[in-house]
Amino acid sequence: MLPLAIGILWQYVAQDICIQEKFCIDQVIYRKDNINEQAQLLSRSDIVCFSNYIWNFQYHIALA
């Protein structure tokens, strides 16, 4: 289950066949879990994106 904003963005960009063939969504973090564990999971990705809000900005800064 994806958070709504990520799902909408992915649905839009995935209409492009090049995107479909070369990219996939792997890890979606939607809770403030242990930063070290989450960073380990994300370290396997080539691209990591963050959706920042006032309530998660500091967590994302630490995770990045």
PDB file of N, CA and C in Angstrom:
ATOM      1  N   MET A   1       0.841  -1.174   0.000  1.00  0.00           N
ATOM      2  CA  MET A   1       0.000   0.000   0.000  1.00  0.00           C
ATOM      3  C   MET A   1       0.891   1.244   0.000  1.00  0.00           C
ATOM      4  N   LEU A   2       0.687   2.103  -0.948  1.00  0.00           N
ATOM      5  CA  LEU A   2       1.485   3.318  -1.071  1.00  0.00           C
ATOM      6  C   LEU A   2       0.758   4.507  -0.463  1.00  0.00           C
ATOM      7  N   PRO A   3       1.511   5.445   0.087  1.00  0.00           N
ATOM      8  CA  PRO A   3       0.883   6.724   0.426  1.00  0.00           C
ATOM      9  C   PRO A   3       0.325   7.371  -0.843  1.00  0.00           C
ATOM     10  N   LEU A   4      -0.728   8.112  -0.689  1.00  0.00           N
ATOM     11  CA  LEU A   4      -1.467   8.651  -1.837  1.00  0.00           C
ATOM     12  C   LEU A   4      -0.607   9.457  -2.802  1.00  0.00           C
ATOM     13  N   ALA A   5       0.202  10.400  -2.299  1.00  0.00           N
ATOM     14  CA  ALA A   5       0.995  11.253  -3.188  1.00  0.00           C
ATOM     15  C   ALA A   5       1.954  10.430  -4.041  1.00  0.00           C
ATOM     16  N   ILE A   6       2.618   9.459  -3.447  1.00  0.00           N
ATOM     17  CA  ILE A   6       3.556   8.629  -4.206  1.00  0.00           C
ATOM     18  C   ILE A   6       2.812   7.805  -5.250  1.00  0.00           C
ATOM     19  N   GLY A   7       1.679   7.264  -4.860  1.00  0.00           N
ATOM     20  CA  GLY A   7       0.884   6.472  -5.796  1.00  0.00           C
ATOM     21  C   GLY A   7       0.430   7.276  -7.004  1.00  0.00           C
ATOM     22  N   ILE A   8      -0.011   8.495  -6.768  1.00  0.00           N
ATOM     23  CA  ILE A   8      -0.461   9.353  -7.860  1.00  0.00           C
ATOM     24  C   ILE A   8       0.704   9.730  -8.770  1.00  0.00           C
ATOM     25  N   LEU A   9       1.828  10.123  -8.181  1.00  0.00           N
ATOM     26  CA  LEU A   9       2.996  10.480  -8.993  1.00  0.00           C
ATOM     27  C   LEU A   9       3.483   9.291  -9.807  1.00  0.00           C
ATOM     28  N   TRP A  10       3.564   8.127  -9.185  1.00  0.00           N
ATOM     29  CA  TRP A  10       4.031   6.936  -9.896  1.00  0.00           C
ATOM     30  C   TRP A  10       3.079   6.577 -11.037  1.00  0.00           C
ATOM     31  N   GLN A  11       1.791   6.627 -10.787  1.00  0.00           N
ATOM     32  CA  GLN A  11       0.811   6.308 -11.823  1.00  0.00           C
ATOM     33  C   GLN A  11       0.983   7.223 -13.029  1.00  0.00           C
ATOM     34  N   TYR A  12       1.279   8.484 -12.784  1.00  0.00           N
ATOM     35  CA  TYR A  12       1.467   9.439 -13.877  1.00  0.00           C
ATOM     36  C   TYR A  12       2.733   9.132 -14.674  1.00  0.00           C
ATOM     37  N   VAL A  13       3.873   9.008 -13.998  1.00  0.00           N
ATOM     38  CA  VAL A  13       5.125   8.804 -14.731  1.00  0.00           C
ATOM     39  C   VAL A  13       5.212   7.412 -15.348  1.00  0.00           C
ATOM     40  N   ALA A  14       4.532   6.440 -14.771  1.00  0.00           N
ATOM     41  CA  ALA A  14       4.583   5.068 -15.295  1.00  0.00           C
ATOM     42  C   ALA A  14       3.833   4.913 -16.607  1.00  0.00           C
ATOM     43  N   GLN A  15       3.154   5.952 -17.060  1.00  0.00           N
ATOM     44  CA  GLN A  15       2.509   5.912 -18.373  1.00  0.00           C
ATOM     45  C   GLN A  15       3.547   5.897 -19.490  1.00  0.00           C
ATOM     46  N   ASP A  16       4.732   6.368 -19.186  1.00  0.00           N
ATOM     47  CA  ASP A  16       5.833   6.392 -20.155  1.00  0.00           C
ATOM     48  C   ASP A  16       6.487   5.006 -20.193  1.00  0.00           C
ATOM     49  N   ILE A  17       6.565   4.389 -21.337  1.00  0.00           N
ATOM     50  CA  ILE A  17       7.097   3.035 -21.481  1.00  0.00           C
ATOM     51  C   ILE A  17       8.560   2.951 -21.037  1.00  0.00           C
ATOM     52  N   CYS A  18       9.329   4.007 -21.273  1.00  0.00           N
ATOM     53  CA  CYS A  18      10.737   4.013 -20.831  1.00  0.00           C
ATOM     54  C   CYS A  18      10.832   3.950 -19.318  1.00  0.00           C
ATOM     55  N   ILE A  19       9.961   4.657 -18.638  1.00  0.00           N
ATOM     56  CA  ILE A  19       9.932   4.618 -17.170  1.00  0.00           C
ATOM     57  C   ILE A  19       9.551   3.220 -16.710  1.00  0.00           C
ATOM     58  N   GLN A  20       8.540   2.638 -17.317  1.00  0.00           N
ATOM     59  CA  GLN A  20       8.090   1.298 -16.945  1.00  0.00           C
ATOM     60  C   GLN A  20       9.208   0.268 -17.087  1.00  0.00           C
ATOM     61  N   GLU A  21       9.999   0.394 -18.147  1.00  0.00           N
ATOM     62  CA  GLU A  21      11.046  -0.587 -18.418  1.00  0.00           C
ATOM     63  C   GLU A  21      12.278  -0.423 -17.541  1.00  0.00           C
ATOM     64  N   LYS A  22      12.561   0.790 -17.082  1.00  0.00           N
ATOM     65  CA  LYS A  22      13.823   1.053 -16.391  1.00  0.00           C
ATOM     66  C   LYS A  22      13.705   1.304 -14.897  1.00  0.00           C
ATOM     67  N   PHE A  23      12.506   1.569 -14.396  1.00  0.00           N
ATOM     68  CA  PHE A  23      12.351   1.943 -12.995  1.00  0.00           C
ATOM     69  C   PHE A  23      11.241   1.148 -12.334  1.00  0.00           C
ATOM     70  N   CYS A  24      11.369   0.989 -11.033  1.00  0.00           N
ATOM     71  CA  CYS A  24      10.303   0.384 -10.234  1.00  0.00           C
ATOM     72  C   CYS A  24      10.351   1.006  -8.845  1.00  0.00           C
ATOM     73  N   ILE A  25       9.247   0.936  -8.156  1.00  0.00           N
ATOM     74  CA  ILE A  25       9.206   1.381  -6.760  1.00  0.00           C
ATOM     75  C   ILE A  25       9.562   0.186  -5.912  1.00  0.00           C
ATOM     76  N   ASP A  26      10.546   0.363  -5.042  1.00  0.00           N
ATOM     77  CA  ASP A  26      10.997  -0.735  -4.189  1.00  0.00           C
ATOM     78  C   ASP A  26      10.576  -0.507  -2.743  1.00  0.00           C
ATOM     79  N   GLN A  27      11.210   0.420  -2.077  1.00  0.00           N
ATOM     80  CA  GLN A  27      10.916   0.697  -0.681  1.00  0.00           C
ATOM     81  C   GLN A  27      10.096   1.967  -0.566  1.00  0.00           C
ATOM     82  N   VAL A  28       9.011   1.900   0.158  1.00  0.00           N
ATOM     83  CA  VAL A  28       8.221   3.080   0.477  1.00  0.00           C
ATOM     84  C   VAL A  28       8.171   3.167   1.994  1.00  0.00           C
ATOM     85  N   ILE A  29       8.730   4.233   2.515  1.00  0.00           N
ATOM     86  CA  ILE A  29       8.756   4.428   3.964  1.00  0.00           C
ATOM     87  C   ILE A  29       7.692   5.442   4.311  1.00  0.00           C
ATOM     88  N   TYR A  30       6.753   5.051   5.117  1.00  0.00           N
ATOM     89  CA  TYR A  30       5.685   5.959   5.495  1.00  0.00           C
ATOM     90  C   TYR A  30       5.539   6.076   7.007  1.00  0.00           C
ATOM     91  N   ARG A  31       6.447   5.446   7.752  1.00  0.00           N
ATOM     92  CA  ARG A  31       6.474   5.573   9.208  1.00  0.00           C
ATOM     93  C   ARG A  31       7.871   5.988   9.631  1.00  0.00           C
ATOM     94  N   LYS A  32       7.970   6.600  10.778  1.00  0.00           N
ATOM     95  CA  LYS A  32       9.272   7.000  11.302  1.00  0.00           C
ATOM     96  C   LYS A  32       9.891   5.821  12.054  1.00  0.00           C
ATOM     97  N   ASP A  33      10.370   4.839  11.291  1.00  0.00           N
ATOM     98  CA  ASP A  33      11.034   3.675  11.874  1.00  0.00           C
ATOM     99  C   ASP A  33      12.499   4.002  12.141  1.00  0.00           C
ATOM    100  N   ASN A  34      13.221   3.052  12.670  1.00  0.00           N
ATOM    101  CA  ASN A  34      14.629   3.219  12.999  1.00  0.00           C
ATOM    102  C   ASN A  34      15.401   3.729  11.782  1.00  0.00           C
ATOM    103  N   ILE A  35      16.083   4.869  11.951  1.00  0.00           N
ATOM    104  CA  ILE A  35      16.776   5.504  10.832  1.00  0.00           C
ATOM    105  C   ILE A  35      17.869   4.611  10.261  1.00  0.00           C
ATOM    106  N   ASN A  36      18.647   3.965  11.101  1.00  0.00           N
ATOM    107  CA  ASN A  36      19.733   3.111  10.601  1.00  0.00           C
ATOM    108  C   ASN A  36      19.201   1.942   9.775  1.00  0.00           C
ATOM    109  N   GLU A  37      18.122   1.326  10.234  1.00  0.00           N
ATOM    110  CA  GLU A  37      17.527   0.216   9.478  1.00  0.00           C
ATOM    111  C   GLU A  37      16.966   0.695   8.144  1.00  0.00           C
ATOM    112  N   GLN A  38      16.277   1.840   8.157  1.00  0.00           N
ATOM    113  CA  GLN A  38      15.715   2.376   6.922  1.00  0.00           C
ATOM    114  C   GLN A  38      16.811   2.797   5.950  1.00  0.00           C
ATOM    115  N   ALA A  39      17.881   3.406   6.468  1.00  0.00           N
ATOM    116  CA  ALA A  39      19.000   3.814   5.613  1.00  0.00           C
ATOM    117  C   ALA A  39      19.639   2.598   4.963  1.00  0.00           C
ATOM    118  N   GLN A  40      19.740   1.503   5.688  1.00  0.00           N
ATOM    119  CA  GLN A  40      20.300   0.261   5.131  1.00  0.00           C
ATOM    120  C   GLN A  40      19.447  -0.222   3.958  1.00  0.00           C
ATOM    121  N   LEU A  41      18.141  -0.196   4.123  1.00  0.00           N
ATOM    122  CA  LEU A  41      17.242  -0.600   3.031  1.00  0.00           C
ATOM    123  C   LEU A  41      17.390   0.319   1.825  1.00  0.00           C
ATOM    124  N   LEU A  42      17.429   1.621   2.074  1.00  0.00           N
ATOM    125  CA  LEU A  42      17.508   2.582   0.980  1.00  0.00           C
ATOM    126  C   LEU A  42      18.861   2.604   0.293  1.00  0.00           C
ATOM    127  N   SER A  43      19.893   2.139   0.961  1.00  0.00           N
ATOM    128  CA  SER A  43      21.241   2.177   0.375  1.00  0.00           C
ATOM    129  C   SER A  43      21.366   1.282  -0.855  1.00  0.00           C
ATOM    130  N   ARG A  44      20.441   0.369  -1.046  1.00  0.00           N
ATOM    131  CA  ARG A  44      20.459  -0.510  -2.223  1.00  0.00           C
ATOM    132  C   ARG A  44      19.830   0.144  -3.446  1.00  0.00           C
ATOM    133  N   SER A  45      19.220   1.306  -3.262  1.00  0.00           N
ATOM    134  CA  SER A  45      18.515   1.986  -4.354  1.00  0.00           C
ATOM    135  C   SER A  45      19.436   2.964  -5.074  1.00  0.00           C
ATOM    136  N   ASP A  46      19.175   3.140  -6.355  1.00  0.00           N
ATOM    137  CA  ASP A  46      19.915   4.126  -7.143  1.00  0.00           C
ATOM    138  C   ASP A  46      19.347   5.530  -6.960  1.00  0.00           C
ATOM    139  N   ILE A  47      18.055   5.619  -6.761  1.00  0.00           N
ATOM    140  CA  ILE A  47      17.379   6.906  -6.593  1.00  0.00           C
ATOM    141  C   ILE A  47      16.490   6.808  -5.361  1.00  0.00           C
ATOM    142  N   VAL A  48      16.559   7.827  -4.527  1.00  0.00           N
ATOM    143  CA  VAL A  48      15.696   7.902  -3.345  1.00  0.00           C
ATOM    144  C   VAL A  48      15.005   9.258  -3.368  1.00  0.00           C
ATOM    145  N   CYS A  49      13.693   9.257  -3.195  1.00  0.00           N
ATOM    146  CA  CYS A  49      12.916  10.491  -3.191  1.00  0.00           C
ATOM    147  C   CYS A  49      12.222  10.644  -1.840  1.00  0.00           C
ATOM    148  N   PHE A  50      12.042  11.886  -1.438  1.00  0.00           N
ATOM    149  CA  PHE A  50      11.383  12.191  -0.180  1.00  0.00           C
ATOM    150  C   PHE A  50      10.216  13.129  -0.432  1.00  0.00           C
ATOM    151  N   SER A  51       9.134  12.907   0.273  1.00  0.00           N
ATOM    152  CA  SER A  51       7.986  13.800   0.246  1.00  0.00           C
ATOM    153  C   SER A  51       7.950  14.490   1.600  1.00  0.00           C
ATOM    154  N   ASN A  52       8.406  15.726   1.632  1.00  0.00           N
ATOM    155  CA  ASN A  52       8.601  16.421   2.905  1.00  0.00           C
ATOM    156  C   ASN A  52       7.411  17.266   3.313  1.00  0.00           C
ATOM    157  N   TYR A  53       7.136  17.167   4.588  1.00  0.00           N
ATOM    158  CA  TYR A  53       6.133  17.998   5.243  1.00  0.00           C
ATOM    159  C   TYR A  53       6.769  18.497   6.534  1.00  0.00           C
ATOM    160  N   ILE A  54       6.120  19.424   7.188  1.00  0.00           N
ATOM    161  CA  ILE A  54       6.674  19.989   8.417  1.00  0.00           C
ATOM    162  C   ILE A  54       6.902  18.902   9.468  1.00  0.00           C
ATOM    163  N   TRP A  55       6.033  17.892   9.495  1.00  0.00           N
ATOM    164  CA  TRP A  55       6.117  16.869  10.536  1.00  0.00           C
ATOM    165  C   TRP A  55       7.129  15.761  10.238  1.00  0.00           C
ATOM    166  N   ASN A  56       7.668  15.675   9.022  1.00  0.00           N
ATOM    167  CA  ASN A  56       8.642  14.619   8.746  1.00  0.00           C
ATOM    168  C   ASN A  56       9.979  15.151   8.221  1.00  0.00           C
ATOM    169  N   PHE A  57      10.119  16.453   8.135  1.00  0.00           N
ATOM    170  CA  PHE A  57      11.317  17.055   7.551  1.00  0.00           C
ATOM    171  C   PHE A  57      12.589  16.641   8.293  1.00  0.00           C
ATOM    172  N   GLN A  58      12.609  16.767   9.601  1.00  0.00           N
ATOM    173  CA  GLN A  58      13.808  16.429  10.374  1.00  0.00           C
ATOM    174  C   GLN A  58      14.160  14.945  10.240  1.00  0.00           C
ATOM    175  N   TYR A  59      13.162  14.088  10.213  1.00  0.00           N
ATOM    176  CA  TYR A  59      13.398  12.654  10.024  1.00  0.00           C
ATOM    177  C   TYR A  59      14.036  12.404   8.664  1.00  0.00           C
ATOM    178  N   HIS A  60      13.534  13.047   7.630  1.00  0.00           N
ATOM    179  CA  HIS A  60      14.084  12.859   6.285  1.00  0.00           C
ATOM    180  C   HIS A  60      15.501  13.405   6.160  1.00  0.00           C
ATOM    181  N   ILE A  61      15.764  14.521   6.808  1.00  0.00           N
ATOM    182  CA  ILE A  61      17.114  15.071   6.801  1.00  0.00           C
ATOM    183  C   ILE A  61      18.081  14.068   7.439  1.00  0.00           C
ATOM    184  N   ALA A  62      17.697  13.515   8.573  1.00  0.00           N
ATOM    185  CA  ALA A  62      18.551  12.514   9.251  1.00  0.00           C
ATOM    186  C   ALA A  62      18.701  11.266   8.386  1.00  0.00           C
ATOM    187  N   LEU A  63      17.628  10.838   7.747  1.00  0.00           N
ATOM    188  CA  LEU A  63      17.679   9.638   6.907  1.00  0.00           C
ATOM    189  C   LEU A  63      18.530   9.855   5.664  1.00  0.00           C
ATOM    190  N   ALA A  64      18.424  11.028   5.060  1.00  0.00           N
ATOM    191  CA  ALA A  64      19.204  11.328   3.860  1.00  0.00           C
ATOM    192  C   ALA A  64      20.682  11.386   4.200  1.00  0.00           C
TER     193      ALA A  64
END
